[in-house]
Amino acid sequence: MRLTSFCPESDRAWALRYVREAMVDLSLAQELNNPETVMELALIAIRKARLAVKYALSQPEYPEVIADELSLRGFSLEEASARILIKMREIAHSLSEAEHPPAKETMIETTRIIVNAAESIVETLR
C-alpha cells in the first residue's frame, strides 16, 4: 500500500496553512503558564500538524484510514507518513488522557517535534 506524494495546489495550500497555525498555537503555548491552557494549545497544535500531513498527502481522510487499519491489525508500516500519523495520534491521546499533565517543557518540546516533523513532510511534498 503506497501513499501518493502528488499534492494538488489546493491541498498544498491547506497543508501550509495548518503548519503555520500549528506553529502559532505552539508559540502561544510557550508564552503561557496555565498548565490546562498549555495542554489545550499543545493538543490543538498537534491536531493541526496531523491535518497538515494529511493534506500534504493529498487525501486528508485516506491516510488516517490506512493508519487505523494497519495499526489495528498489527501490520508492519512501511510508509513513514503513516507511522508519523499513528505516532502523532498516540502522543495526542497520551497527553489528553494523562491523569496529571506533563511538565510544560515536556509538552512544548513534544509538540515542537511533531510540528517540525509535519513541516518537514509538507515541505518535502511541495
N, C-alpha and C. Protein backbone atom coordinates (compact mmCIF):
# COMPACT_ATOMS: atom_id res chain seq x y z
N MET A 1 0.84 -1.16 0.00
CA MET A 1 0.00 0.00 0.00
C MET A 1 0.90 1.24 0.00
N ARG A 2 0.78 2.04 -1.03
CA ARG A 2 1.65 3.20 -1.16
C ARG A 2 0.81 4.46 -1.23
N LEU A 3 1.22 5.45 -0.45
CA LEU A 3 0.53 6.74 -0.47
C LEU A 3 1.17 7.62 -1.52
N THR A 4 0.36 8.38 -2.22
CA THR A 4 0.87 9.24 -3.27
C THR A 4 1.55 10.47 -2.69
N SER A 5 2.57 10.95 -3.36
CA SER A 5 3.23 12.18 -2.91
C SER A 5 2.79 13.35 -3.78
N PHE A 6 1.91 13.12 -4.75
CA PHE A 6 1.38 14.20 -5.56
C PHE A 6 0.47 15.07 -4.71
N CYS A 7 0.71 16.34 -4.75
CA CYS A 7 -0.05 17.24 -3.89
C CYS A 7 -0.61 18.38 -4.73
N PRO A 8 -1.92 18.37 -5.00
CA PRO A 8 -2.52 19.48 -5.75
C PRO A 8 -2.36 20.80 -5.00
N GLU A 9 -2.46 21.88 -5.74
CA GLU A 9 -2.26 23.21 -5.16
C GLU A 9 -3.20 23.50 -3.99
N SER A 10 -4.45 23.09 -4.09
CA SER A 10 -5.39 23.37 -3.01
C SER A 10 -5.00 22.62 -1.73
N ASP A 11 -4.60 21.35 -1.86
CA ASP A 11 -4.17 20.59 -0.69
C ASP A 11 -2.87 21.15 -0.12
N ARG A 12 -1.98 21.58 -1.00
CA ARG A 12 -0.71 22.18 -0.56
C ARG A 12 -0.99 23.44 0.26
N ALA A 13 -1.93 24.25 -0.22
CA ALA A 13 -2.28 25.48 0.50
C ALA A 13 -2.82 25.16 1.89
N TRP A 14 -3.69 24.16 1.98
CA TRP A 14 -4.23 23.77 3.29
C TRP A 14 -3.13 23.23 4.19
N ALA A 15 -2.25 22.41 3.63
CA ALA A 15 -1.15 21.85 4.43
C ALA A 15 -0.28 22.96 5.00
N LEU A 16 0.09 23.92 4.16
CA LEU A 16 0.92 25.04 4.63
C LEU A 16 0.19 25.86 5.69
N ARG A 17 -1.11 26.07 5.49
CA ARG A 17 -1.88 26.83 6.45
C ARG A 17 -1.91 26.13 7.81
N TYR A 18 -2.15 24.81 7.81
CA TYR A 18 -2.20 24.08 9.07
C TYR A 18 -0.85 24.07 9.78
N VAL A 19 0.24 24.00 9.02
CA VAL A 19 1.57 24.06 9.64
C VAL A 19 1.76 25.43 10.30
N ARG A 20 1.42 26.49 9.59
CA ARG A 20 1.57 27.84 10.16
C ARG A 20 0.72 27.99 11.42
N GLU A 21 -0.52 27.51 11.36
CA GLU A 21 -1.40 27.62 12.53
C GLU A 21 -0.86 26.80 13.70
N ALA A 22 -0.32 25.63 13.42
CA ALA A 22 0.26 24.81 14.49
C ALA A 22 1.43 25.53 15.14
N MET A 23 2.23 26.20 14.33
CA MET A 23 3.36 26.96 14.88
C MET A 23 2.88 28.11 15.76
N VAL A 24 1.81 28.77 15.35
CA VAL A 24 1.25 29.87 16.16
C VAL A 24 0.74 29.32 17.49
N ASP A 25 0.01 28.20 17.44
CA ASP A 25 -0.50 27.60 18.68
C ASP A 25 0.64 27.19 19.60
N LEU A 26 1.69 26.63 19.04
CA LEU A 26 2.87 26.25 19.82
C LEU A 26 3.51 27.48 20.45
N SER A 27 3.63 28.54 19.68
CA SER A 27 4.21 29.78 20.20
C SER A 27 3.38 30.35 21.36
N LEU A 28 2.06 30.33 21.19
CA LEU A 28 1.19 30.79 22.27
C LEU A 28 1.33 29.93 23.52
N ALA A 29 1.42 28.63 23.34
CA ALA A 29 1.58 27.72 24.48
C ALA A 29 2.86 28.01 25.25
N GLN A 30 3.92 28.36 24.52
CA GLN A 30 5.19 28.66 25.16
C GLN A 30 5.10 29.89 26.07
N GLU A 31 4.24 30.83 25.71
CA GLU A 31 4.14 32.08 26.44
C GLU A 31 3.28 31.98 27.70
N LEU A 32 2.48 30.93 27.81
CA LEU A 32 1.53 30.82 28.91
C LEU A 32 2.08 29.96 30.04
N ASN A 33 1.48 30.12 31.22
CA ASN A 33 1.91 29.34 32.37
C ASN A 33 0.82 28.43 32.92
N ASN A 34 -0.42 28.62 32.51
CA ASN A 34 -1.52 27.79 32.98
C ASN A 34 -1.42 26.40 32.33
N PRO A 35 -1.19 25.34 33.12
CA PRO A 35 -0.98 24.00 32.56
C PRO A 35 -2.13 23.52 31.66
N GLU A 36 -3.36 23.82 32.05
CA GLU A 36 -4.50 23.36 31.25
C GLU A 36 -4.53 24.05 29.89
N THR A 37 -4.24 25.35 29.87
CA THR A 37 -4.24 26.10 28.62
C THR A 37 -3.07 25.67 27.74
N VAL A 38 -1.91 25.45 28.35
CA VAL A 38 -0.75 24.98 27.60
C VAL A 38 -1.07 23.63 26.98
N MET A 39 -1.70 22.74 27.75
CA MET A 39 -2.07 21.42 27.24
C MET A 39 -3.05 21.55 26.08
N GLU A 40 -4.05 22.39 26.25
CA GLU A 40 -5.06 22.58 25.20
C GLU A 40 -4.42 23.08 23.91
N LEU A 41 -3.56 24.08 24.02
CA LEU A 41 -2.90 24.62 22.84
C LEU A 41 -1.94 23.60 22.21
N ALA A 42 -1.27 22.82 23.04
CA ALA A 42 -0.38 21.78 22.51
C ALA A 42 -1.18 20.75 21.72
N LEU A 43 -2.32 20.34 22.25
CA LEU A 43 -3.16 19.36 21.55
C LEU A 43 -3.72 19.94 20.26
N ILE A 44 -4.09 21.20 20.27
CA ILE A 44 -4.57 21.85 19.05
C ILE A 44 -3.45 21.90 18.01
N ALA A 45 -2.24 22.23 18.44
CA ALA A 45 -1.10 22.28 17.51
C ALA A 45 -0.82 20.91 16.93
N ILE A 46 -0.90 19.87 17.74
CA ILE A 46 -0.68 18.51 17.25
C ILE A 46 -1.76 18.14 16.24
N ARG A 47 -3.02 18.48 16.55
CA ARG A 47 -4.12 18.17 15.62
C ARG A 47 -3.89 18.87 14.28
N LYS A 48 -3.46 20.12 14.33
CA LYS A 48 -3.21 20.86 13.09
C LYS A 48 -2.01 20.30 12.34
N ALA A 49 -1.00 19.85 13.06
CA ALA A 49 0.16 19.22 12.41
C ALA A 49 -0.27 17.95 11.68
N ARG A 50 -1.14 17.17 12.32
CA ARG A 50 -1.66 15.95 11.68
C ARG A 50 -2.45 16.30 10.42
N LEU A 51 -3.27 17.34 10.51
CA LEU A 51 -4.05 17.77 9.34
C LEU A 51 -3.12 18.24 8.22
N ALA A 52 -2.05 18.91 8.57
CA ALA A 52 -1.09 19.36 7.56
C ALA A 52 -0.50 18.17 6.80
N VAL A 53 -0.13 17.13 7.54
CA VAL A 53 0.43 15.93 6.91
C VAL A 53 -0.62 15.27 6.01
N LYS A 54 -1.83 15.18 6.51
CA LYS A 54 -2.89 14.56 5.72
C LYS A 54 -3.13 15.31 4.41
N TYR A 55 -3.19 16.64 4.49
CA TYR A 55 -3.39 17.41 3.27
C TYR A 55 -2.18 17.35 2.35
N ALA A 56 -0.98 17.29 2.91
CA ALA A 56 0.23 17.18 2.09
C ALA A 56 0.22 15.87 1.30
N LEU A 57 -0.46 14.87 1.84
CA LEU A 57 -0.56 13.57 1.16
C LEU A 57 -1.74 13.54 0.18
N SER A 58 -2.41 14.68 0.02
CA SER A 58 -3.46 14.90 -0.98
C SER A 58 -4.82 14.31 -0.67
N GLN A 59 -4.92 13.49 0.30
CA GLN A 59 -6.21 12.89 0.62
C GLN A 59 -6.36 12.89 2.12
N PRO A 60 -6.91 13.95 2.67
CA PRO A 60 -6.92 14.11 4.12
C PRO A 60 -7.58 12.98 4.89
N GLU A 61 -8.51 12.28 4.31
CA GLU A 61 -9.17 11.20 5.04
C GLU A 61 -8.46 9.86 4.82
N TYR A 62 -7.82 9.68 3.71
CA TYR A 62 -7.24 8.39 3.33
C TYR A 62 -6.11 7.91 4.24
N PRO A 63 -5.09 8.73 4.53
CA PRO A 63 -4.00 8.23 5.39
C PRO A 63 -4.48 7.79 6.77
N GLU A 64 -5.48 8.47 7.32
CA GLU A 64 -5.98 8.10 8.64
C GLU A 64 -6.64 6.72 8.59
N VAL A 65 -7.37 6.45 7.53
CA VAL A 65 -7.99 5.14 7.37
C VAL A 65 -6.91 4.06 7.28
N ILE A 66 -5.89 4.32 6.49
CA ILE A 66 -4.78 3.36 6.37
C ILE A 66 -4.10 3.18 7.73
N ALA A 67 -3.81 4.27 8.40
CA ALA A 67 -3.13 4.20 9.70
C ALA A 67 -3.96 3.40 10.69
N ASP A 68 -5.27 3.67 10.74
CA ASP A 68 -6.15 2.93 11.65
C ASP A 68 -6.16 1.44 11.32
N GLU A 69 -6.33 1.13 10.06
CA GLU A 69 -6.43 -0.27 9.62
C GLU A 69 -5.15 -1.04 9.95
N LEU A 70 -4.01 -0.48 9.57
CA LEU A 70 -2.75 -1.18 9.79
C LEU A 70 -2.41 -1.27 11.27
N SER A 71 -2.72 -0.23 12.01
CA SER A 71 -2.46 -0.22 13.44
C SER A 71 -3.28 -1.29 14.15
N LEU A 72 -4.56 -1.36 13.82
CA LEU A 72 -5.45 -2.34 14.45
C LEU A 72 -5.05 -3.77 14.13
N ARG A 73 -4.59 -3.99 12.92
CA ARG A 73 -4.23 -5.35 12.50
C ARG A 73 -2.80 -5.73 12.86
N GLY A 74 -2.03 -4.78 13.37
CA GLY A 74 -0.66 -5.08 13.78
C GLY A 74 0.30 -5.23 12.64
N PHE A 75 -0.02 -4.71 11.46
CA PHE A 75 0.87 -4.81 10.32
C PHE A 75 2.10 -3.93 10.53
N SER A 76 3.18 -4.34 9.92
CA SER A 76 4.37 -3.51 9.91
C SER A 76 4.14 -2.37 8.92
N LEU A 77 4.33 -1.13 9.36
CA LEU A 77 4.08 0.01 8.49
C LEU A 77 5.34 0.36 7.72
N GLU A 78 5.21 0.46 6.41
CA GLU A 78 6.37 0.80 5.61
C GLU A 78 6.40 2.28 5.23
N GLU A 79 5.26 2.89 5.23
CA GLU A 79 5.21 4.30 4.86
C GLU A 79 5.54 5.17 6.08
N ALA A 80 6.54 6.00 5.95
CA ALA A 80 6.91 6.89 7.05
C ALA A 80 5.76 7.81 7.42
N SER A 81 5.02 8.26 6.43
CA SER A 81 3.91 9.16 6.71
C SER A 81 2.84 8.49 7.57
N ALA A 82 2.54 7.23 7.30
CA ALA A 82 1.54 6.51 8.09
C ALA A 82 2.06 6.32 9.52
N ARG A 83 3.33 5.99 9.66
CA ARG A 83 3.91 5.84 11.00
C ARG A 83 3.85 7.15 11.77
N ILE A 84 4.14 8.23 11.08
CA ILE A 84 4.11 9.53 11.74
C ILE A 84 2.70 9.88 12.18
N LEU A 85 1.71 9.62 11.32
CA LEU A 85 0.33 9.90 11.69
C LEU A 85 -0.09 9.09 12.90
N ILE A 86 0.30 7.83 12.92
CA ILE A 86 -0.04 6.97 14.07
C ILE A 86 0.64 7.49 15.33
N LYS A 87 1.90 7.83 15.23
CA LYS A 87 2.65 8.32 16.40
C LYS A 87 2.07 9.64 16.89
N MET A 88 1.70 10.53 15.98
CA MET A 88 1.08 11.80 16.38
C MET A 88 -0.21 11.55 17.13
N ARG A 89 -1.00 10.61 16.63
CA ARG A 89 -2.28 10.29 17.27
C ARG A 89 -2.03 9.70 18.66
N GLU A 90 -1.05 8.81 18.78
CA GLU A 90 -0.74 8.19 20.07
C GLU A 90 -0.27 9.23 21.09
N ILE A 91 0.57 10.14 20.64
CA ILE A 91 1.08 11.17 21.55
C ILE A 91 -0.04 12.08 22.02
N ALA A 92 -0.89 12.51 21.08
CA ALA A 92 -2.02 13.37 21.45
C ALA A 92 -2.93 12.65 22.44
N HIS A 93 -3.16 11.37 22.19
CA HIS A 93 -4.01 10.59 23.10
C HIS A 93 -3.37 10.48 24.48
N SER A 94 -2.07 10.21 24.52
CA SER A 94 -1.36 10.11 25.80
C SER A 94 -1.43 11.40 26.59
N LEU A 95 -1.22 12.51 25.89
CA LEU A 95 -1.27 13.81 26.57
C LEU A 95 -2.68 14.10 27.09
N SER A 96 -3.68 13.83 26.26
CA SER A 96 -5.04 14.18 26.67
C SER A 96 -5.58 13.25 27.75
N GLU A 97 -5.08 12.03 27.83
CA GLU A 97 -5.56 11.06 28.81
C GLU A 97 -4.73 11.02 30.09
N ALA A 98 -3.66 11.80 30.14
CA ALA A 98 -2.79 11.78 31.32
C ALA A 98 -3.55 12.27 32.55
N GLU A 99 -3.39 11.55 33.62
CA GLU A 99 -4.05 11.93 34.87
C GLU A 99 -3.53 13.29 35.36
N HIS A 100 -2.23 13.47 35.25
CA HIS A 100 -1.61 14.74 35.60
C HIS A 100 -0.87 15.23 34.36
N PRO A 101 -1.11 16.47 33.96
CA PRO A 101 -0.44 16.97 32.76
C PRO A 101 1.07 16.93 32.94
N PRO A 102 1.80 16.57 31.88
CA PRO A 102 3.26 16.60 31.98
C PRO A 102 3.75 18.03 32.18
N ALA A 103 4.99 18.17 32.51
CA ALA A 103 5.58 19.49 32.70
C ALA A 103 5.45 20.30 31.41
N LYS A 104 5.34 21.59 31.56
CA LYS A 104 5.18 22.48 30.41
C LYS A 104 6.29 22.25 29.39
N GLU A 105 7.52 22.14 29.85
CA GLU A 105 8.66 21.96 28.95
C GLU A 105 8.51 20.68 28.13
N THR A 106 8.01 19.63 28.77
CA THR A 106 7.82 18.35 28.08
C THR A 106 6.74 18.49 27.01
N MET A 107 5.64 19.12 27.36
CA MET A 107 4.56 19.31 26.37
C MET A 107 5.03 20.16 25.20
N ILE A 108 5.75 21.23 25.50
CA ILE A 108 6.22 22.13 24.45
C ILE A 108 7.21 21.41 23.54
N GLU A 109 8.15 20.71 24.12
CA GLU A 109 9.16 20.03 23.31
C GLU A 109 8.53 18.92 22.47
N THR A 110 7.61 18.17 23.04
CA THR A 110 6.92 17.11 22.29
C THR A 110 6.14 17.71 21.13
N THR A 111 5.44 18.79 21.39
CA THR A 111 4.66 19.45 20.35
C THR A 111 5.58 20.02 19.28
N ARG A 112 6.69 20.61 19.70
CA ARG A 112 7.65 21.17 18.74
C ARG A 112 8.17 20.09 17.80
N ILE A 113 8.48 18.94 18.33
CA ILE A 113 8.97 17.84 17.49
C ILE A 113 7.92 17.44 16.45
N ILE A 114 6.67 17.35 16.89
CA ILE A 114 5.59 16.95 15.99
C ILE A 114 5.35 18.02 14.92
N VAL A 115 5.31 19.27 15.32
CA VAL A 115 5.09 20.35 14.35
C VAL A 115 6.24 20.41 13.36
N ASN A 116 7.47 20.26 13.84
CA ASN A 116 8.62 20.27 12.93
C ASN A 116 8.59 19.10 11.96
N ALA A 117 8.15 17.94 12.43
CA ALA A 117 8.03 16.78 11.54
C ALA A 117 6.99 17.05 10.46
N ALA A 118 5.86 17.62 10.86
CA ALA A 118 4.81 17.95 9.89
C ALA A 118 5.33 18.96 8.88
N GLU A 119 6.03 19.96 9.37
CA GLU A 119 6.58 20.97 8.47
C GLU A 119 7.55 20.35 7.46
N SER A 120 8.38 19.45 7.92
CA SER A 120 9.32 18.77 7.02
C SER A 120 8.60 17.96 5.95
N ILE A 121 7.56 17.25 6.37
CA ILE A 121 6.78 16.45 5.40
C ILE A 121 6.12 17.34 4.37
N VAL A 122 5.50 18.42 4.85
CA VAL A 122 4.82 19.34 3.94
C VAL A 122 5.83 19.94 2.96
N GLU A 123 6.98 20.36 3.45
CA GLU A 123 8.00 20.95 2.57
C GLU A 123 8.53 19.92 1.57
N THR A 124 8.70 18.70 2.01
CA THR A 124 9.20 17.65 1.13
C THR A 124 8.22 17.34 0.00
N LEU A 125 6.93 17.37 0.31
CA LEU A 125 5.92 17.01 -0.68
C LEU A 125 5.45 18.19 -1.51
N ARG A 126 6.04 19.35 -1.34
CA ARG A 126 5.64 20.54 -2.11
C ARG A 126 5.96 20.43 -3.53
